[in-house]
């Protein structure tokens, strides 16, 4: 059984205030996406990495892969109109067996640790899938500008990536999505739609998705 990693890297980075997609910005001499790829490159449980990116950035990605000797990166495919399209493009490019594991991880989550990753892969191998999450600690409410009601946080989780499912389940999900014109917010929501029981595994509070300028400041603090 092999483990494939898919990194959708087609984001524009507009909310971070940069004209260049944030995943290609350099921090202490190294591109943000290089920090992300590095964790998978160093994991002994990962066999291949596939990246989806805008065609205009393929050359830049190839330079990054060469510079940091990311030997597990097998291919770069064209990013789609949506994140889901990008993930599906990667899935369709795989030469995988039905029970191989497919790990999907946001390009803009560069603080994933090898421990969290490896634990998630092992848990997915045991249970059939695994979605990294952290338990809610804050008080949660429903409402717009006023509080309508309070939500019990005991059973509330913040979903992160990586999200890990079998190749055969992704094929089913693609078929469902294309036949029903359905787009999920992430892989787990799509898998839930096709009836999968989804297992949660512990993530990390520092495994944040870099979206805003404030997120970039936090990221820089951790990699100093």
N, C-alpha and C. Protein backbone atom coordinates (compact mmCIF):
# COMPACT_ATOMS: atom_id res chain seq x y z
N UNK A 1 0.84 -1.20 0.00
CA UNK A 1 0.00 0.00 0.00
C UNK A 1 0.87 1.25 0.00
N UNK A 2 0.57 2.18 -0.91
CA UNK A 2 1.32 3.42 -1.00
C UNK A 2 0.54 4.58 -0.39
N UNK A 3 1.27 5.63 -0.06
CA UNK A 3 0.65 6.85 0.44
C UNK A 3 1.03 8.01 -0.46
N UNK A 4 0.02 8.61 -1.08
CA UNK A 4 0.21 9.75 -1.97
C UNK A 4 -0.23 11.02 -1.24
N UNK A 5 0.51 12.09 -1.44
CA UNK A 5 0.16 13.39 -0.86
C UNK A 5 -0.23 14.35 -1.97
N UNK A 6 -1.37 14.99 -1.80
CA UNK A 6 -1.83 16.00 -2.75
C UNK A 6 -1.81 17.36 -2.06
N UNK A 7 -1.17 18.32 -2.71
CA UNK A 7 -1.10 19.68 -2.18
C UNK A 7 -1.73 20.63 -3.19
N UNK A 8 -2.97 21.08 -2.95
CA UNK A 8 -3.56 22.10 -3.82
C UNK A 8 -2.94 23.45 -3.52
N UNK A 9 -2.29 24.03 -4.52
CA UNK A 9 -1.52 25.26 -4.30
C UNK A 9 -1.93 26.35 -5.28
N UNK A 10 -3.23 26.45 -5.53
CA UNK A 10 -3.69 27.42 -6.51
C UNK A 10 -4.24 28.70 -5.93
N UNK A 11 -4.13 28.88 -4.61
CA UNK A 11 -4.70 30.07 -3.96
C UNK A 11 -4.05 31.36 -4.42
N UNK A 12 -4.84 32.43 -4.42
CA UNK A 12 -4.36 33.74 -4.88
C UNK A 12 -3.65 34.53 -3.80
N UNK A 13 -3.98 34.28 -2.55
CA UNK A 13 -3.32 34.99 -1.46
C UNK A 13 -3.77 36.42 -1.29
N UNK A 14 -4.98 36.73 -1.76
CA UNK A 14 -5.44 38.12 -1.73
C UNK A 14 -5.67 38.65 -0.32
N UNK A 15 -6.18 37.80 0.57
CA UNK A 15 -6.47 38.26 1.93
C UNK A 15 -5.20 38.51 2.74
N UNK A 16 -4.08 37.95 2.28
CA UNK A 16 -2.83 38.21 2.99
C UNK A 16 -2.18 39.51 2.54
N UNK A 17 -2.82 40.18 1.56
CA UNK A 17 -2.34 41.49 1.12
C UNK A 17 -1.19 41.46 0.15
N UNK A 18 -0.96 40.33 -0.49
CA UNK A 18 0.16 40.20 -1.42
C UNK A 18 -0.34 40.00 -2.84
N UNK A 19 0.36 40.60 -3.82
CA UNK A 19 0.00 40.40 -5.22
C UNK A 19 0.48 39.05 -5.71
N UNK A 20 1.51 38.51 -5.05
CA UNK A 20 2.03 37.18 -5.36
C UNK A 20 1.33 36.18 -4.44
N UNK A 21 0.89 35.03 -4.96
CA UNK A 21 0.28 34.03 -4.07
C UNK A 21 1.18 33.75 -2.87
N UNK A 22 0.58 33.73 -1.69
CA UNK A 22 1.37 33.66 -0.45
C UNK A 22 2.28 32.45 -0.38
N UNK A 23 1.88 31.36 -1.04
CA UNK A 23 2.70 30.14 -0.96
C UNK A 23 4.07 30.29 -1.62
N UNK A 24 4.23 31.34 -2.44
CA UNK A 24 5.52 31.56 -3.11
C UNK A 24 6.34 32.68 -2.48
N UNK A 25 5.80 33.31 -1.45
CA UNK A 25 6.56 34.34 -0.74
C UNK A 25 7.68 33.69 0.07
N UNK A 26 8.80 34.41 0.19
CA UNK A 26 9.94 33.87 0.95
C UNK A 26 9.94 34.40 2.38
N UNK A 27 10.25 33.51 3.30
CA UNK A 27 10.39 33.86 4.71
C UNK A 27 11.71 33.28 5.20
N UNK A 28 12.60 34.17 5.59
CA UNK A 28 13.95 33.77 6.00
C UNK A 28 14.62 32.95 4.89
N UNK A 29 14.43 33.43 3.65
CA UNK A 29 15.11 32.84 2.51
C UNK A 29 14.48 31.60 1.92
N UNK A 30 13.29 31.25 2.38
CA UNK A 30 12.66 30.00 1.94
C UNK A 30 11.17 30.23 1.67
N UNK A 31 10.68 29.72 0.54
CA UNK A 31 9.29 29.90 0.18
C UNK A 31 8.36 29.18 1.16
N UNK A 32 7.19 29.78 1.38
CA UNK A 32 6.23 29.19 2.31
C UNK A 32 5.88 27.76 1.91
N UNK A 33 5.67 27.53 0.63
CA UNK A 33 5.30 26.18 0.19
C UNK A 33 6.42 25.18 0.40
N UNK A 34 7.66 25.66 0.43
CA UNK A 34 8.79 24.76 0.68
C UNK A 34 8.74 24.22 2.11
N UNK A 35 8.31 25.06 3.05
CA UNK A 35 8.14 24.59 4.43
C UNK A 35 7.08 23.49 4.48
N UNK A 36 6.01 23.67 3.69
CA UNK A 36 4.93 22.70 3.66
C UNK A 36 5.39 21.37 3.08
N UNK A 37 6.05 21.44 1.92
CA UNK A 37 6.50 20.21 1.24
C UNK A 37 7.52 19.46 2.08
N UNK A 38 8.36 20.20 2.78
CA UNK A 38 9.47 19.60 3.53
C UNK A 38 9.00 18.55 4.54
N UNK A 39 7.88 18.80 5.20
CA UNK A 39 7.36 17.85 6.19
C UNK A 39 7.05 16.51 5.54
N UNK A 40 6.47 16.54 4.36
CA UNK A 40 6.12 15.31 3.65
C UNK A 40 7.37 14.63 3.08
N UNK A 41 8.31 15.44 2.62
CA UNK A 41 9.56 14.89 2.09
C UNK A 41 10.30 14.10 3.17
N UNK A 42 10.24 14.58 4.41
CA UNK A 42 10.99 13.96 5.50
C UNK A 42 10.26 12.78 6.15
N UNK A 43 8.99 12.60 5.83
CA UNK A 43 8.23 11.51 6.44
C UNK A 43 8.53 10.19 5.74
N UNK A 44 8.88 9.19 6.52
CA UNK A 44 9.12 7.87 5.95
C UNK A 44 7.86 7.15 5.54
N UNK A 45 6.69 7.73 5.84
CA UNK A 45 5.41 7.10 5.50
C UNK A 45 4.83 7.61 4.19
N UNK A 46 5.50 8.59 3.58
CA UNK A 46 5.01 9.20 2.33
C UNK A 46 5.81 8.67 1.15
N UNK A 47 5.09 8.27 0.09
CA UNK A 47 5.75 7.75 -1.10
C UNK A 47 5.89 8.80 -2.21
N UNK A 48 4.79 9.49 -2.51
CA UNK A 48 4.81 10.46 -3.61
C UNK A 48 4.04 11.71 -3.23
N UNK A 49 4.45 12.83 -3.83
CA UNK A 49 3.77 14.11 -3.63
C UNK A 49 3.35 14.65 -4.99
N UNK A 50 2.10 15.10 -5.08
CA UNK A 50 1.58 15.71 -6.31
C UNK A 50 1.06 17.08 -5.94
N UNK A 51 1.41 18.08 -6.73
CA UNK A 51 1.02 19.46 -6.45
C UNK A 51 0.15 19.99 -7.58
N UNK A 52 -0.94 20.66 -7.23
CA UNK A 52 -1.78 21.35 -8.21
C UNK A 52 -1.52 22.84 -8.11
N UNK A 53 -1.20 23.46 -9.24
CA UNK A 53 -0.86 24.89 -9.23
C UNK A 53 -1.25 25.53 -10.55
N UNK A 54 -1.40 26.84 -10.52
CA UNK A 54 -1.64 27.57 -11.75
C UNK A 54 -0.48 27.37 -12.71
N UNK A 55 -0.79 27.27 -13.98
CA UNK A 55 0.23 27.02 -14.99
C UNK A 55 1.34 28.06 -14.94
N UNK A 56 0.99 29.30 -14.62
CA UNK A 56 1.98 30.38 -14.57
C UNK A 56 3.05 30.16 -13.50
N UNK A 57 2.77 29.29 -12.52
CA UNK A 57 3.72 29.05 -11.43
C UNK A 57 4.38 27.68 -11.48
N UNK A 58 4.14 26.93 -12.54
CA UNK A 58 4.77 25.60 -12.65
C UNK A 58 6.29 25.71 -12.68
N UNK A 59 6.80 26.66 -13.45
CA UNK A 59 8.25 26.81 -13.56
C UNK A 59 8.86 27.16 -12.21
N UNK A 60 8.20 28.04 -11.48
CA UNK A 60 8.70 28.44 -10.17
C UNK A 60 8.70 27.25 -9.20
N UNK A 61 7.66 26.46 -9.26
CA UNK A 61 7.59 25.28 -8.42
C UNK A 61 8.71 24.29 -8.74
N UNK A 62 8.97 24.11 -10.02
CA UNK A 62 10.05 23.21 -10.43
C UNK A 62 11.39 23.68 -9.88
N UNK A 63 11.59 24.99 -9.86
CA UNK A 63 12.83 25.55 -9.30
C UNK A 63 12.93 25.26 -7.81
N UNK A 64 11.81 25.42 -7.10
CA UNK A 64 11.78 25.14 -5.65
C UNK A 64 12.06 23.67 -5.38
N UNK A 65 11.45 22.81 -6.16
CA UNK A 65 11.64 21.36 -6.00
C UNK A 65 13.10 20.98 -6.21
N UNK A 66 13.71 21.57 -7.22
CA UNK A 66 15.12 21.29 -7.51
C UNK A 66 16.03 21.84 -6.42
N UNK A 67 15.76 23.07 -5.98
CA UNK A 67 16.63 23.73 -5.00
C UNK A 67 16.67 22.97 -3.68
N UNK A 68 15.52 22.49 -3.23
CA UNK A 68 15.45 21.83 -1.92
C UNK A 68 15.49 20.31 -2.00
N UNK A 69 15.71 19.81 -3.22
CA UNK A 69 15.82 18.35 -3.44
C UNK A 69 14.60 17.61 -2.91
N UNK A 70 13.43 18.09 -3.33
CA UNK A 70 12.18 17.43 -2.95
C UNK A 70 11.94 16.26 -3.91
N UNK A 71 12.63 15.17 -3.66
CA UNK A 71 12.64 14.03 -4.58
C UNK A 71 11.32 13.27 -4.62
N UNK A 72 10.47 13.47 -3.62
CA UNK A 72 9.19 12.76 -3.59
C UNK A 72 8.11 13.43 -4.44
N UNK A 73 8.38 14.66 -4.89
CA UNK A 73 7.40 15.33 -5.75
C UNK A 73 7.43 14.65 -7.11
N UNK A 74 6.35 13.98 -7.44
CA UNK A 74 6.28 13.18 -8.65
C UNK A 74 5.79 13.97 -9.86
N UNK A 75 4.87 14.92 -9.60
CA UNK A 75 4.33 15.69 -10.71
C UNK A 75 3.65 16.96 -10.23
N UNK A 76 3.50 17.89 -11.17
CA UNK A 76 2.74 19.12 -10.95
C UNK A 76 1.62 19.12 -11.98
N UNK A 77 0.39 19.27 -11.52
CA UNK A 77 -0.75 19.29 -12.43
C UNK A 77 -1.40 20.67 -12.40
N UNK A 78 -2.22 20.94 -13.41
CA UNK A 78 -2.88 22.23 -13.48
C UNK A 78 -3.92 22.36 -12.38
N UNK A 79 -3.93 23.51 -11.72
CA UNK A 79 -4.95 23.78 -10.72
C UNK A 79 -6.28 24.04 -11.39
N UNK A 80 -7.36 23.70 -10.70
CA UNK A 80 -8.70 23.92 -11.25
C UNK A 80 -9.27 25.26 -10.83
N UNK A 81 -10.51 25.49 -11.22
CA UNK A 81 -11.20 26.73 -10.87
C UNK A 81 -11.41 26.82 -9.36
N UNK A 82 -11.68 25.68 -8.74
CA UNK A 82 -11.88 25.63 -7.29
C UNK A 82 -10.85 24.70 -6.66
N UNK A 83 -10.78 24.73 -5.34
CA UNK A 83 -9.88 23.82 -4.62
C UNK A 83 -10.24 22.38 -4.91
N UNK A 84 -11.54 22.09 -4.91
CA UNK A 84 -11.98 20.72 -5.17
C UNK A 84 -11.55 20.27 -6.56
N UNK A 85 -11.67 21.15 -7.55
CA UNK A 85 -11.23 20.82 -8.91
C UNK A 85 -9.74 20.49 -8.93
N UNK A 86 -8.96 21.26 -8.18
CA UNK A 86 -7.51 21.02 -8.13
C UNK A 86 -7.20 19.66 -7.53
N UNK A 87 -7.89 19.33 -6.44
CA UNK A 87 -7.70 18.03 -5.79
C UNK A 87 -8.09 16.91 -6.75
N UNK A 88 -9.22 17.08 -7.43
CA UNK A 88 -9.68 16.05 -8.37
C UNK A 88 -8.69 15.87 -9.52
N UNK A 89 -8.11 16.97 -10.02
CA UNK A 89 -7.11 16.87 -11.09
C UNK A 89 -5.93 16.02 -10.64
N UNK A 90 -5.53 16.20 -9.39
CA UNK A 90 -4.43 15.40 -8.84
C UNK A 90 -4.83 13.93 -8.72
N UNK A 91 -6.02 13.68 -8.20
CA UNK A 91 -6.51 12.31 -8.04
C UNK A 91 -6.51 11.58 -9.38
N UNK A 92 -7.01 12.27 -10.40
CA UNK A 92 -7.12 11.65 -11.72
C UNK A 92 -5.76 11.37 -12.35
N UNK A 93 -4.72 12.04 -11.86
CA UNK A 93 -3.38 11.83 -12.41
C UNK A 93 -2.64 10.67 -11.75
N UNK A 94 -3.19 10.14 -10.65
CA UNK A 94 -2.50 9.12 -9.88
C UNK A 94 -2.53 7.75 -10.56
N UNK A 95 -1.44 7.05 -10.41
CA UNK A 95 -1.38 5.64 -10.79
C UNK A 95 -1.42 4.85 -9.48
N UNK A 96 -2.64 4.73 -8.93
CA UNK A 96 -2.79 4.19 -7.58
C UNK A 96 -3.68 2.96 -7.56
N UNK A 97 -3.51 2.15 -6.52
CA UNK A 97 -4.37 1.00 -6.26
C UNK A 97 -5.53 1.45 -5.38
N UNK A 98 -6.61 0.67 -5.37
CA UNK A 98 -7.84 1.10 -4.71
C UNK A 98 -7.68 1.36 -3.21
N UNK A 99 -6.78 0.63 -2.54
CA UNK A 99 -6.61 0.80 -1.10
C UNK A 99 -5.43 1.69 -0.72
N UNK A 100 -4.78 2.29 -1.70
CA UNK A 100 -3.72 3.25 -1.40
C UNK A 100 -4.32 4.45 -0.68
N UNK A 101 -3.51 5.06 0.18
CA UNK A 101 -3.97 6.23 0.93
C UNK A 101 -3.63 7.52 0.19
N UNK A 102 -4.57 8.45 0.21
CA UNK A 102 -4.36 9.76 -0.40
C UNK A 102 -4.51 10.83 0.68
N UNK A 103 -3.46 11.59 0.88
CA UNK A 103 -3.40 12.63 1.90
C UNK A 103 -3.55 13.98 1.21
N UNK A 104 -4.55 14.76 1.59
CA UNK A 104 -4.73 16.10 1.03
C UNK A 104 -4.37 17.12 2.10
N UNK A 105 -3.49 18.06 1.72
CA UNK A 105 -3.04 19.06 2.69
C UNK A 105 -2.94 20.42 2.03
N UNK A 106 -3.41 21.45 2.71
CA UNK A 106 -3.36 22.81 2.20
C UNK A 106 -1.92 23.29 2.04
N UNK A 107 -1.62 23.89 0.91
CA UNK A 107 -0.29 24.45 0.69
C UNK A 107 0.04 25.51 1.74
N UNK A 108 -1.00 26.20 2.22
CA UNK A 108 -0.81 27.30 3.16
C UNK A 108 -0.89 26.87 4.62
N UNK A 109 -0.60 25.60 4.89
CA UNK A 109 -0.45 25.12 6.28
C UNK A 109 0.98 24.60 6.44
N UNK A 110 1.94 25.51 6.56
CA UNK A 110 3.35 25.12 6.59
C UNK A 110 3.87 24.66 7.95
N UNK A 111 3.03 24.72 8.99
CA UNK A 111 3.50 24.37 10.33
C UNK A 111 3.06 22.97 10.77
N UNK A 112 2.63 22.16 9.83
CA UNK A 112 2.31 20.77 10.14
C UNK A 112 3.57 20.05 10.61
N UNK A 113 3.46 19.35 11.73
CA UNK A 113 4.63 18.62 12.24
C UNK A 113 4.63 17.19 11.72
N UNK A 114 5.81 16.60 11.69
CA UNK A 114 5.93 15.22 11.24
C UNK A 114 5.18 14.28 12.18
N UNK A 115 5.15 14.61 13.46
CA UNK A 115 4.43 13.78 14.44
C UNK A 115 2.94 13.73 14.14
N UNK A 116 2.33 14.90 13.92
CA UNK A 116 0.90 14.96 13.59
C UNK A 116 0.63 14.21 12.29
N UNK A 117 1.47 14.43 11.29
CA UNK A 117 1.31 13.77 10.00
C UNK A 117 1.38 12.25 10.13
N UNK A 118 2.43 11.76 10.74
CA UNK A 118 2.62 10.31 10.84
C UNK A 118 1.53 9.64 11.67
N UNK A 119 1.11 10.31 12.75
CA UNK A 119 0.02 9.77 13.57
C UNK A 119 -1.27 9.67 12.75
N UNK A 120 -1.52 10.68 11.92
CA UNK A 120 -2.73 10.70 11.10
C UNK A 120 -2.69 9.59 10.05
N UNK A 121 -1.54 9.40 9.42
CA UNK A 121 -1.42 8.34 8.40
C UNK A 121 -1.63 6.97 9.03
N UNK A 122 -1.01 6.74 10.18
CA UNK A 122 -1.16 5.45 10.86
C UNK A 122 -2.61 5.21 11.28
N UNK A 123 -3.27 6.27 11.74
CA UNK A 123 -4.67 6.14 12.16
C UNK A 123 -5.56 5.85 10.96
N UNK A 124 -5.27 6.49 9.82
CA UNK A 124 -6.03 6.24 8.60
C UNK A 124 -5.85 4.81 8.11
N UNK A 125 -4.64 4.30 8.25
CA UNK A 125 -4.38 2.91 7.86
C UNK A 125 -5.18 1.94 8.73
N UNK A 126 -5.37 2.32 9.99
CA UNK A 126 -6.12 1.48 10.93
C UNK A 126 -7.63 1.58 10.72
N UNK A 127 -8.13 2.82 10.53
CA UNK A 127 -9.57 3.06 10.48
C UNK A 127 -10.14 3.17 9.06
N UNK A 128 -9.28 3.40 8.08
CA UNK A 128 -9.76 3.60 6.71
C UNK A 128 -9.74 5.04 6.27
N UNK A 129 -9.71 5.97 7.22
CA UNK A 129 -9.57 7.40 6.91
C UNK A 129 -9.21 8.13 8.19
N UNK A 130 -8.79 9.37 8.04
CA UNK A 130 -8.48 10.21 9.20
C UNK A 130 -8.49 11.67 8.79
N UNK A 131 -9.10 12.48 9.63
CA UNK A 131 -9.14 13.93 9.41
C UNK A 131 -8.55 14.60 10.64
N UNK A 132 -7.54 15.40 10.44
CA UNK A 132 -6.88 16.09 11.54
C UNK A 132 -7.77 17.22 12.04
N UNK A 133 -7.90 17.32 13.36
CA UNK A 133 -8.75 18.36 13.95
C UNK A 133 -8.26 18.69 15.35
N UNK A 134 -8.74 19.80 15.87
CA UNK A 134 -8.49 20.15 17.27
C UNK A 134 -9.82 20.48 17.93
N UNK A 135 -9.93 20.15 19.21
CA UNK A 135 -11.16 20.42 19.94
C UNK A 135 -11.33 21.91 20.20
N UNK A 136 -12.58 22.35 20.13
CA UNK A 136 -12.88 23.75 20.41
C UNK A 136 -12.65 24.05 21.88
N UNK A 137 -12.01 25.17 22.16
CA UNK A 137 -11.77 25.59 23.54
C UNK A 137 -12.53 26.86 23.90
N UNK A 138 -12.88 27.63 22.88
CA UNK A 138 -13.56 28.90 23.12
C UNK A 138 -15.05 28.68 23.35
N UNK A 139 -15.69 29.70 23.91
CA UNK A 139 -17.14 29.71 23.99
C UNK A 139 -17.69 29.94 22.59
N UNK A 140 -18.66 29.12 22.19
CA UNK A 140 -19.20 29.18 20.83
C UNK A 140 -20.65 29.63 20.86
N UNK A 141 -21.01 30.52 19.95
CA UNK A 141 -22.38 31.02 19.89
C UNK A 141 -22.89 31.00 18.46
N UNK A 142 -24.23 30.99 18.34
CA UNK A 142 -24.89 31.21 17.06
C UNK A 142 -25.44 32.63 17.07
N UNK A 143 -25.35 33.29 15.91
CA UNK A 143 -25.87 34.64 15.84
C UNK A 143 -25.09 35.47 14.85
N UNK A 144 -25.68 36.59 14.44
CA UNK A 144 -25.00 37.51 13.52
C UNK A 144 -24.34 38.61 14.34
N UNK A 145 -25.08 39.67 14.63
CA UNK A 145 -24.54 40.76 15.44
C UNK A 145 -24.91 40.64 16.92
N UNK A 146 -25.79 39.70 17.21
CA UNK A 146 -26.18 39.45 18.60
C UNK A 146 -26.15 37.94 18.84
N UNK A 147 -26.12 37.56 20.11
CA UNK A 147 -26.08 36.14 20.46
C UNK A 147 -27.49 35.56 20.44
N UNK A 148 -27.68 34.54 19.58
CA UNK A 148 -28.97 33.84 19.54
C UNK A 148 -28.98 32.67 20.51
N UNK A 149 -27.88 31.90 20.52
CA UNK A 149 -27.81 30.74 21.41
C UNK A 149 -26.36 30.32 21.56
N UNK A 150 -26.12 29.50 22.57
CA UNK A 150 -24.78 28.99 22.83
C UNK A 150 -24.67 27.54 22.37
N UNK A 151 -23.51 27.18 21.88
CA UNK A 151 -23.26 25.83 21.37
C UNK A 151 -22.37 25.09 22.36
N UNK A 152 -22.78 23.88 22.71
CA UNK A 152 -21.93 23.07 23.58
C UNK A 152 -20.65 22.71 22.84
N UNK A 153 -19.51 23.06 23.42
CA UNK A 153 -18.25 22.87 22.72
C UNK A 153 -17.63 21.49 22.92
N UNK A 154 -18.23 20.68 23.81
CA UNK A 154 -17.64 19.38 24.13
C UNK A 154 -17.44 18.51 22.90
N UNK A 155 -18.38 18.59 21.96
CA UNK A 155 -18.31 17.76 20.77
C UNK A 155 -18.06 18.57 19.50
N UNK A 156 -17.45 19.74 19.66
CA UNK A 156 -17.15 20.59 18.51
C UNK A 156 -15.65 20.55 18.23
N UNK A 157 -15.29 20.37 16.97
CA UNK A 157 -13.89 20.34 16.56
C UNK A 157 -13.66 21.34 15.43
N UNK A 158 -12.45 21.89 15.39
CA UNK A 158 -12.01 22.69 14.26
C UNK A 158 -11.28 21.76 13.30
N UNK A 159 -11.80 21.65 12.09
CA UNK A 159 -11.20 20.75 11.10
C UNK A 159 -9.99 21.41 10.45
N UNK A 160 -8.92 20.63 10.31
CA UNK A 160 -7.70 21.10 9.66
C UNK A 160 -7.39 20.18 8.47
N UNK A 161 -6.21 20.28 7.96
CA UNK A 161 -5.65 19.26 7.08
C UNK A 161 -4.31 18.87 7.69
N UNK A 162 -3.82 17.65 7.38
CA UNK A 162 -4.24 16.77 6.30
C UNK A 162 -5.54 16.02 6.58
N UNK A 163 -6.18 15.65 5.45
CA UNK A 163 -7.35 14.78 5.46
C UNK A 163 -7.00 13.58 4.59
N UNK A 164 -7.20 12.39 5.12
CA UNK A 164 -6.67 11.18 4.49
C UNK A 164 -7.78 10.17 4.23
N UNK A 165 -7.90 9.75 2.97
CA UNK A 165 -8.90 8.77 2.58
C UNK A 165 -8.30 7.80 1.56
N UNK A 166 -8.95 6.66 1.39
CA UNK A 166 -8.48 5.70 0.40
C UNK A 166 -8.76 6.20 -1.01
N UNK A 167 -7.90 5.81 -1.92
CA UNK A 167 -8.03 6.20 -3.33
C UNK A 167 -9.40 5.83 -3.87
N UNK A 168 -9.88 4.62 -3.54
CA UNK A 168 -11.17 4.17 -4.07
C UNK A 168 -12.32 5.05 -3.59
N UNK A 169 -12.20 5.62 -2.39
CA UNK A 169 -13.23 6.51 -1.88
C UNK A 169 -13.21 7.85 -2.61
N UNK A 170 -12.02 8.31 -2.96
CA UNK A 170 -11.93 9.54 -3.74
C UNK A 170 -12.55 9.35 -5.12
N UNK A 171 -12.36 8.18 -5.73
CA UNK A 171 -12.96 7.92 -7.03
C UNK A 171 -14.48 7.97 -6.94
N UNK A 172 -15.04 7.38 -5.88
CA UNK A 172 -16.49 7.44 -5.65
C UNK A 172 -16.95 8.89 -5.45
N UNK A 173 -16.14 9.65 -4.71
CA UNK A 173 -16.50 11.04 -4.42
C UNK A 173 -16.49 11.89 -5.69
N UNK A 174 -15.51 11.65 -6.55
CA UNK A 174 -15.44 12.39 -7.81
C UNK A 174 -16.68 12.09 -8.65
N UNK A 175 -17.05 10.81 -8.74
CA UNK A 175 -18.23 10.42 -9.51
C UNK A 175 -19.48 11.08 -8.96
N UNK A 176 -19.64 11.06 -7.63
CA UNK A 176 -20.81 11.69 -7.01
C UNK A 176 -20.85 13.18 -7.31
N UNK A 177 -19.70 13.83 -7.15
CA UNK A 177 -19.63 15.27 -7.35
C UNK A 177 -19.98 15.66 -8.78
N UNK A 178 -19.45 14.91 -9.73
CA UNK A 178 -19.69 15.24 -11.14
C UNK A 178 -21.13 14.94 -11.55
N UNK A 179 -21.71 13.89 -10.99
CA UNK A 179 -23.09 13.53 -11.34
C UNK A 179 -24.12 14.44 -10.68
N UNK A 180 -23.76 15.00 -9.51
CA UNK A 180 -24.71 15.81 -8.75
C UNK A 180 -24.34 17.29 -8.68
N UNK A 181 -23.27 17.66 -9.39
CA UNK A 181 -22.81 19.05 -9.39
C UNK A 181 -22.63 19.57 -7.96
N UNK A 182 -21.98 18.74 -7.15
CA UNK A 182 -21.80 19.07 -5.73
C UNK A 182 -20.36 19.48 -5.46
N UNK A 183 -20.21 20.54 -4.69
CA UNK A 183 -18.88 21.00 -4.29
C UNK A 183 -18.83 21.11 -2.77
N UNK A 184 -17.96 20.32 -2.15
CA UNK A 184 -17.83 20.35 -0.70
C UNK A 184 -16.86 21.42 -0.25
N UNK A 185 -16.94 21.79 1.01
CA UNK A 185 -16.02 22.80 1.54
C UNK A 185 -14.63 22.21 1.76
N UNK A 186 -14.58 20.89 1.93
CA UNK A 186 -13.30 20.19 2.06
C UNK A 186 -13.55 18.72 1.72
N UNK A 187 -12.51 17.91 1.84
CA UNK A 187 -12.64 16.50 1.48
C UNK A 187 -13.59 15.76 2.42
N UNK A 188 -13.54 16.09 3.71
CA UNK A 188 -14.38 15.38 4.68
C UNK A 188 -15.86 15.62 4.42
N UNK A 189 -16.23 16.83 4.04
CA UNK A 189 -17.65 17.12 3.78
C UNK A 189 -18.14 16.35 2.57
N UNK A 190 -17.28 16.18 1.58
CA UNK A 190 -17.64 15.40 0.40
C UNK A 190 -17.76 13.92 0.73
N UNK A 191 -16.82 13.42 1.53
CA UNK A 191 -16.87 12.01 1.93
C UNK A 191 -18.10 11.71 2.78
N UNK A 192 -18.48 12.65 3.62
CA UNK A 192 -19.70 12.50 4.43
C UNK A 192 -20.93 12.41 3.52
N UNK A 193 -20.87 13.15 2.44
CA UNK A 193 -21.99 13.18 1.49
C UNK A 193 -22.19 11.82 0.82
N UNK A 194 -21.11 11.07 0.63
CA UNK A 194 -21.25 9.75 0.00
C UNK A 194 -21.37 8.63 1.04
N UNK A 195 -21.59 9.03 2.30
CA UNK A 195 -21.91 8.06 3.33
C UNK A 195 -20.76 7.49 4.12
N UNK A 196 -19.59 8.10 4.02
CA UNK A 196 -18.44 7.59 4.77
C UNK A 196 -18.53 8.00 6.24
N UNK A 197 -18.14 7.07 7.11
CA UNK A 197 -17.96 7.39 8.52
C UNK A 197 -16.55 7.96 8.65
N UNK A 198 -16.45 9.17 9.19
CA UNK A 198 -15.17 9.89 9.20
C UNK A 198 -14.59 9.90 10.60
N UNK A 199 -13.31 9.57 10.69
CA UNK A 199 -12.61 9.49 11.97
C UNK A 199 -11.71 10.70 12.17
N UNK A 200 -11.79 11.28 13.37
CA UNK A 200 -10.98 12.45 13.71
C UNK A 200 -9.74 12.02 14.47
N UNK A 201 -8.64 12.71 14.19
CA UNK A 201 -7.38 12.44 14.87
C UNK A 201 -6.80 13.77 15.33
N UNK A 202 -6.08 13.76 16.44
CA UNK A 202 -5.59 15.00 17.03
C UNK A 202 -4.65 15.75 16.11
N UNK A 203 -4.91 17.04 15.98
CA UNK A 203 -4.04 17.93 15.24
C UNK A 203 -3.22 18.79 16.19
N UNK A 204 -2.96 20.02 15.77
CA UNK A 204 -2.15 20.92 16.58
C UNK A 204 -2.65 22.35 16.40
N UNK A 205 -2.62 23.10 17.48
CA UNK A 205 -3.07 24.50 17.43
C UNK A 205 -2.19 25.35 16.53
N UNK A 206 -0.94 24.93 16.33
CA UNK A 206 -0.05 25.74 15.48
C UNK A 206 -0.19 25.38 14.00
N UNK A 207 -0.97 24.35 13.70
CA UNK A 207 -1.17 23.94 12.31
C UNK A 207 -2.21 24.84 11.64
N UNK A 208 -1.92 26.13 11.62
CA UNK A 208 -2.87 27.11 11.11
C UNK A 208 -2.76 27.24 9.59
N UNK A 209 -3.87 27.67 8.99
CA UNK A 209 -3.85 27.99 7.57
C UNK A 209 -3.52 29.46 7.42
N UNK A 210 -2.47 29.75 6.67
CA UNK A 210 -2.05 31.14 6.49
C UNK A 210 -3.00 31.83 5.53
N UNK A 211 -3.80 32.74 6.05
CA UNK A 211 -4.81 33.42 5.25
C UNK A 211 -4.66 34.94 5.30
N UNK A 212 -4.38 35.48 6.48
CA UNK A 212 -4.33 36.93 6.66
C UNK A 212 -2.91 37.40 6.99
N UNK A 213 -2.73 38.70 7.05
CA UNK A 213 -1.44 39.28 7.45
C UNK A 213 -1.07 38.85 8.87
N UNK A 214 -2.08 38.74 9.72
CA UNK A 214 -1.83 38.32 11.11
C UNK A 214 -1.31 36.88 11.14
N UNK A 215 -1.86 36.03 10.28
CA UNK A 215 -1.39 34.64 10.20
C UNK A 215 0.07 34.59 9.78
N UNK A 216 0.44 35.45 8.85
CA UNK A 216 1.83 35.50 8.40
C UNK A 216 2.77 35.87 9.54
N UNK A 217 2.33 36.79 10.39
CA UNK A 217 3.15 37.20 11.54
C UNK A 217 3.35 36.02 12.49
N UNK A 218 2.28 35.26 12.73
CA UNK A 218 2.38 34.08 13.61
C UNK A 218 3.34 33.07 13.01
N UNK A 219 3.22 32.83 11.72
CA UNK A 219 4.09 31.88 11.03
C UNK A 219 5.55 32.27 11.17
N UNK A 220 5.84 33.54 10.96
CA UNK A 220 7.23 34.02 11.06
C UNK A 220 7.78 33.84 12.47
N UNK A 221 6.92 33.99 13.47
CA UNK A 221 7.35 33.81 14.86
C UNK A 221 7.79 32.37 15.11
N UNK A 222 7.06 31.42 14.55
CA UNK A 222 7.35 30.00 14.79
C UNK A 222 8.58 29.50 14.05
N UNK A 223 8.91 30.12 12.92
CA UNK A 223 10.04 29.60 12.13
C UNK A 223 11.34 30.36 12.36
N UNK A 224 11.33 31.32 13.29
CA UNK A 224 12.55 32.09 13.57
C UNK A 224 13.68 31.17 14.01
